[in-house]
């Protein structure tokens, strides 16, 4: 299980890093074309927006895998070890259901719906950029299952 988690983390961190580097380069290109060439590049601005969304969703998947998502420990701290374990499993189950329903199911629906629309500057189907929703949903589901297994084995609570 740890090999799966480590491999996914490395791959997603690399993907998010590449996305960030591309955003930096494209933003520099945009500034260069706007102020030096006096002919702003519209496609780079649009691509940076989509890359930002991809990077944010991929980063959210990494955070889910590391169990670093936002929580309010005031209630959890009032329970004993067994209660914390139950709440941790319940929390991961909610993450799993949310990812399945909203990100995977909803993401597929919106991606299919948006395949008929083209971006204004790039001329690419918008649905291509929305595919990150179900992909990250599947990743979040995998991470939630791995987290539940780790919790049940007593690794982290």
C-alpha atoms as a PDB file:
ATOM      1  CA  UNK A   1       0.000   0.000   0.000  1.00  0.00           C
ATOM      2  CA  UNK A   2       2.803   2.372   0.863  1.00  0.00           C
ATOM      3  CA  UNK A   3       4.360   1.861  -2.594  1.00  0.00           C
ATOM      4  CA  UNK A   4       1.102   2.893  -4.252  1.00  0.00           C
ATOM      5  CA  UNK A   5       0.853   6.004  -2.085  1.00  0.00           C
ATOM      6  CA  UNK A   6       4.513   6.945  -2.614  1.00  0.00           C
ATOM      7  CA  UNK A   7       4.283   6.413  -6.370  1.00  0.00           C
ATOM      8  CA  UNK A   8       1.093   8.469  -6.663  1.00  0.00           C
ATOM      9  CA  UNK A   9       2.568  11.244  -4.522  1.00  0.00           C
ATOM     10  CA  UNK A  10       5.729  11.439  -6.615  1.00  0.00           C
ATOM     11  CA  UNK A  11       3.799  11.437  -9.881  1.00  0.00           C
ATOM     12  CA  UNK A  12       1.277  14.061  -8.739  1.00  0.00           C
ATOM     13  CA  UNK A  13       3.953  16.307  -7.251  1.00  0.00           C
ATOM     14  CA  UNK A  14       5.853  16.098 -10.534  1.00  0.00           C
ATOM     15  CA  UNK A  15       2.695  16.880 -12.513  1.00  0.00           C
ATOM     16  CA  UNK A  16       1.839  19.845 -10.281  1.00  0.00           C
ATOM     17  CA  UNK A  17       5.433  21.076 -10.503  1.00  0.00           C
ATOM     18  CA  UNK A  18       5.427  20.878 -14.290  1.00  0.00           C
ATOM     19  CA  UNK A  19       2.124  22.729 -14.356  1.00  0.00           C
ATOM     20  CA  UNK A  20       3.524  25.438 -12.079  1.00  0.00           C
ATOM     21  CA  UNK A  21       6.692  25.804 -14.179  1.00  0.00           C
ATOM     22  CA  UNK A  22       4.600  26.060 -17.350  1.00  0.00           C
ATOM     23  CA  UNK A  23       2.443  28.721 -15.703  1.00  0.00           C
ATOM     24  CA  UNK A  24       5.520  30.758 -14.778  1.00  0.00           C
ATOM     25  CA  UNK A  25       6.945  30.512 -18.297  1.00  0.00           C
ATOM     26  CA  UNK A  26       3.620  31.352 -19.926  1.00  0.00           C
ATOM     27  CA  UNK A  27       3.096  34.326 -17.625  1.00  0.00           C
ATOM     28  CA  UNK A  28       6.594  35.619 -18.459  1.00  0.00           C
ATOM     29  CA  UNK A  29       5.770  35.153 -22.147  1.00  0.00           C
ATOM     30  CA  UNK A  30       2.546  37.053 -21.654  1.00  0.00           C
ATOM     31  CA  UNK A  31       4.339  39.973 -19.958  1.00  0.00           C
ATOM     32  CA  UNK A  32       6.992  39.979 -22.705  1.00  0.00           C
ATOM     33  CA  UNK A  33       4.424  40.078 -25.501  1.00  0.00           C
ATOM     34  CA  UNK A  34       2.315  42.712 -23.760  1.00  0.00           C
ATOM     35  CA  UNK A  35       5.025  45.195 -22.759  1.00  0.00           C
ATOM     36  CA  UNK A  36       7.941  44.509 -25.107  1.00  0.00           C
ATOM     37  CA  UNK A  37       6.208  43.449 -28.314  1.00  0.00           C
ATOM     38  CA  UNK A  38       3.108  45.578 -27.655  1.00  0.00           C
ATOM     39  CA  UNK A  39       0.984  42.658 -28.909  1.00  0.00           C
ATOM     40  CA  UNK A  40      -0.486  40.720 -25.956  1.00  0.00           C
ATOM     41  CA  UNK A  41      -0.779  36.958 -26.204  1.00  0.00           C
ATOM     42  CA  UNK A  42      -4.367  35.965 -25.425  1.00  0.00           C
ATOM     43  CA  UNK A  43      -3.891  32.203 -25.667  1.00  0.00           C
ATOM     44  CA  UNK A  44      -1.232  32.136 -22.940  1.00  0.00           C
ATOM     45  CA  UNK A  45      -3.517  33.866 -20.452  1.00  0.00           C
ATOM     46  CA  UNK A  46      -6.259  31.340 -21.115  1.00  0.00           C
ATOM     47  CA  UNK A  47      -3.886  28.378 -20.830  1.00  0.00           C
ATOM     48  CA  UNK A  48      -2.472  29.682 -17.536  1.00  0.00           C
ATOM     49  CA  UNK A  49      -6.007  29.800 -16.123  1.00  0.00           C
ATOM     50  CA  UNK A  50      -6.642  26.164 -17.017  1.00  0.00           C
ATOM     51  CA  UNK A  51      -3.219  25.063 -15.774  1.00  0.00           C
ATOM     52  CA  UNK A  52      -3.905  26.816 -12.470  1.00  0.00           C
ATOM     53  CA  UNK A  53      -7.147  24.867 -12.054  1.00  0.00           C
ATOM     54  CA  UNK A  54      -5.375  21.599 -12.881  1.00  0.00           C
ATOM     55  CA  UNK A  55      -2.547  22.362 -10.455  1.00  0.00           C
ATOM     56  CA  UNK A  56      -4.984  23.245  -7.661  1.00  0.00           C
ATOM     57  CA  UNK A  57      -7.020  20.064  -8.102  1.00  0.00           C
ATOM     58  CA  UNK A  58      -3.928  17.876  -8.328  1.00  0.00           C
ATOM     59  CA  UNK A  59      -2.588  19.567  -5.200  1.00  0.00           C
ATOM     60  CA  UNK A  60      -5.900  18.893  -3.447  1.00  0.00           C
ATOM     61  CA  UNK A  61      -5.508  15.206  -4.285  1.00  0.00           C
ATOM     62  CA  UNK A  62      -2.008  15.188  -2.782  1.00  0.00           C
ATOM     63  CA  UNK A  63      -3.353  16.864   0.361  1.00  0.00           C
ATOM     64  CA  UNK A  64      -6.100  14.227   0.559  1.00  0.00           C
ATOM     65  CA  UNK A  65      -3.467  11.496   0.319  1.00  0.00           C
ATOM     66  CA  UNK A  66      -1.450  13.028   3.134  1.00  0.00           C
ATOM     67  CA  UNK A  67      -4.577  13.477   5.288  1.00  0.00           C
ATOM     68  CA  UNK A  68      -3.766  17.153   5.640  1.00  0.00           C
ATOM     69  CA  UNK A  69      -7.180  18.422   4.641  1.00  0.00           C
ATOM     70  CA  UNK A  70      -8.815  21.000   6.809  1.00  0.00           C
ATOM     71  CA  UNK A  71     -10.344  19.779  10.043  1.00  0.00           C
ATOM     72  CA  UNK A  72     -11.666  21.080  13.321  1.00  0.00           C
ATOM     73  CA  UNK A  73     -10.054  19.030  16.091  1.00  0.00           C
ATOM     74  CA  UNK A  74     -12.102  20.473  18.983  1.00  0.00           C
ATOM     75  CA  UNK A  75     -14.772  17.766  18.730  1.00  0.00           C
ATOM     76  CA  UNK A  76     -12.377  14.939  17.842  1.00  0.00           C
ATOM     77  CA  UNK A  77     -10.108  15.641  20.819  1.00  0.00           C
ATOM     78  CA  UNK A  78     -12.993  14.939  23.208  1.00  0.00           C
ATOM     79  CA  UNK A  79     -13.098  11.291  22.106  1.00  0.00           C
ATOM     80  CA  UNK A  80     -10.810   8.465  23.139  1.00  0.00           C
ATOM     81  CA  UNK A  81      -8.557   6.553  20.756  1.00  0.00           C
ATOM     82  CA  UNK A  82     -11.362   4.293  19.527  1.00  0.00           C
ATOM     83  CA  UNK A  83     -13.706   7.232  18.934  1.00  0.00           C
ATOM     84  CA  UNK A  84     -11.013   9.124  17.024  1.00  0.00           C
ATOM     85  CA  UNK A  85     -10.456   6.089  14.848  1.00  0.00           C
ATOM     86  CA  UNK A  86     -14.179   5.833  14.070  1.00  0.00           C
ATOM     87  CA  UNK A  87     -14.383   9.549  13.277  1.00  0.00           C
ATOM     88  CA  UNK A  88     -11.275   9.347  11.079  1.00  0.00           C
ATOM     89  CA  UNK A  89     -12.766   6.460   9.083  1.00  0.00           C
ATOM     90  CA  UNK A  90     -16.073   8.345   8.844  1.00  0.00           C
ATOM     91  CA  UNK A  91     -14.228  11.444   7.608  1.00  0.00           C
ATOM     92  CA  UNK A  92     -12.442   9.450   4.910  1.00  0.00           C
ATOM     93  CA  UNK A  93     -15.737   7.805   3.921  1.00  0.00           C
ATOM     94  CA  UNK A  94     -17.252  11.261   3.406  1.00  0.00           C
ATOM     95  CA  UNK A  95     -14.243  12.228   1.268  1.00  0.00           C
ATOM     96  CA  UNK A  96     -14.757   9.042  -0.773  1.00  0.00           C
ATOM     97  CA  UNK A  97     -18.481   9.706  -1.328  1.00  0.00           C
ATOM     98  CA  UNK A  98     -17.872  13.371  -2.193  1.00  0.00           C
ATOM     99  CA  UNK A  99     -15.175  12.406  -4.695  1.00  0.00           C
ATOM    100  CA  UNK A 100     -17.375   9.725  -6.248  1.00  0.00           C
ATOM    101  CA  UNK A 101     -20.517  11.826  -6.579  1.00  0.00           C
ATOM    102  CA  UNK A 102     -19.280  15.369  -7.152  1.00  0.00           C
ATOM    103  CA  UNK A 103     -15.903  14.942  -8.795  1.00  0.00           C
ATOM    104  CA  UNK A 104     -16.260  11.676 -10.719  1.00  0.00           C
ATOM    105  CA  UNK A 105     -19.956  11.600 -11.621  1.00  0.00           C
ATOM    106  CA  UNK A 106     -20.414  15.359 -11.850  1.00  0.00           C
ATOM    107  CA  UNK A 107     -17.031  15.799 -13.538  1.00  0.00           C
ATOM    108  CA  UNK A 108     -17.903  13.264 -16.241  1.00  0.00           C
ATOM    109  CA  UNK A 109     -21.252  14.958 -16.804  1.00  0.00           C
ATOM    110  CA  UNK A 110     -19.738  18.434 -17.170  1.00  0.00           C
ATOM    111  CA  UNK A 111     -16.841  17.166 -19.292  1.00  0.00           C
ATOM    112  CA  UNK A 112     -19.175  15.457 -21.749  1.00  0.00           C
ATOM    113  CA  UNK A 113     -21.445  18.497 -21.819  1.00  0.00           C
ATOM    114  CA  UNK A 114     -18.526  20.867 -22.478  1.00  0.00           C
ATOM    115  CA  UNK A 115     -16.970  18.811 -25.296  1.00  0.00           C
ATOM    116  CA  UNK A 116     -19.120  20.720 -27.788  1.00  0.00           C
ATOM    117  CA  UNK A 117     -17.766  24.106 -26.689  1.00  0.00           C
ATOM    118  CA  UNK A 118     -14.413  25.500 -27.742  1.00  0.00           C
ATOM    119  CA  UNK A 119     -12.173  27.815 -25.751  1.00  0.00           C
ATOM    120  CA  UNK A 120     -12.039  31.333 -27.142  1.00  0.00           C
ATOM    121  CA  UNK A 121      -8.291  31.618 -27.759  1.00  0.00           C
ATOM    122  CA  UNK A 122      -6.991  28.054 -27.897  1.00  0.00           C
ATOM    123  CA  UNK A 123      -9.811  26.549 -29.954  1.00  0.00           C
ATOM    124  CA  UNK A 124      -9.739  23.360 -27.838  1.00  0.00           C
ATOM    125  CA  UNK A 125     -12.843  21.652 -26.459  1.00  0.00           C
ATOM    126  CA  UNK A 126     -13.485  22.946 -22.954  1.00  0.00           C
ATOM    127  CA  UNK A 127     -14.339  19.409 -21.874  1.00  0.00           C
ATOM    128  CA  UNK A 128     -10.660  18.478 -22.271  1.00  0.00           C
ATOM    129  CA  UNK A 129      -9.781  20.876 -19.483  1.00  0.00           C
ATOM    130  CA  UNK A 130     -12.655  19.618 -17.296  1.00  0.00           C
ATOM    131  CA  UNK A 131     -11.380  16.026 -17.439  1.00  0.00           C
ATOM    132  CA  UNK A 132      -9.232  16.856 -14.414  1.00  0.00           C
ATOM    133  CA  UNK A 133     -12.372  16.713 -12.240  1.00  0.00           C
ATOM    134  CA  UNK A 134     -13.115  12.983 -12.642  1.00  0.00           C
ATOM    135  CA  UNK A 135      -9.397  12.152 -12.724  1.00  0.00           C
ATOM    136  CA  UNK A 136      -8.791  13.861  -9.389  1.00  0.00           C
ATOM    137  CA  UNK A 137     -12.009  12.346  -8.069  1.00  0.00           C
ATOM    138  CA  UNK A 138     -10.657   8.875  -8.804  1.00  0.00           C
ATOM    139  CA  UNK A 139      -7.347   9.818  -7.179  1.00  0.00           C
ATOM    140  CA  UNK A 140      -9.165  11.124  -4.100  1.00  0.00           C
ATOM    141  CA  UNK A 141     -11.162   7.892  -3.896  1.00  0.00           C
ATOM    142  CA  UNK A 142      -7.947   5.834  -4.081  1.00  0.00           C
ATOM    143  CA  UNK A 143      -6.330   7.983  -1.412  1.00  0.00           C
ATOM    144  CA  UNK A 144      -9.424   7.774   0.819  1.00  0.00           C
ATOM    145  CA  UNK A 145      -9.341   3.969   0.598  1.00  0.00           C
ATOM    146  CA  UNK A 146      -5.618   3.925   1.372  1.00  0.00           C
ATOM    147  CA  UNK A 147      -6.239   6.250   4.315  1.00  0.00           C
ATOM    148  CA  UNK A 148      -9.045   4.043   5.651  1.00  0.00           C
ATOM    149  CA  UNK A 149      -6.774   0.995   5.413  1.00  0.00           C
ATOM    150  CA  UNK A 150      -4.008   2.860   7.259  1.00  0.00           C
ATOM    151  CA  UNK A 151      -6.422   4.040   9.958  1.00  0.00           C
ATOM    152  CA  UNK A 152      -7.796   0.529  10.466  1.00  0.00           C
ATOM    153  CA  UNK A 153      -4.236  -0.803  10.740  1.00  0.00           C
ATOM    154  CA  UNK A 154      -3.531   1.820  13.396  1.00  0.00           C
ATOM    155  CA  UNK A 155      -0.938   3.756  11.412  1.00  0.00           C
ATOM    156  CA  UNK A 156      -2.335   7.281  11.778  1.00  0.00           C
ATOM    157  CA  UNK A 157      -5.310   8.647  13.645  1.00  0.00           C
END
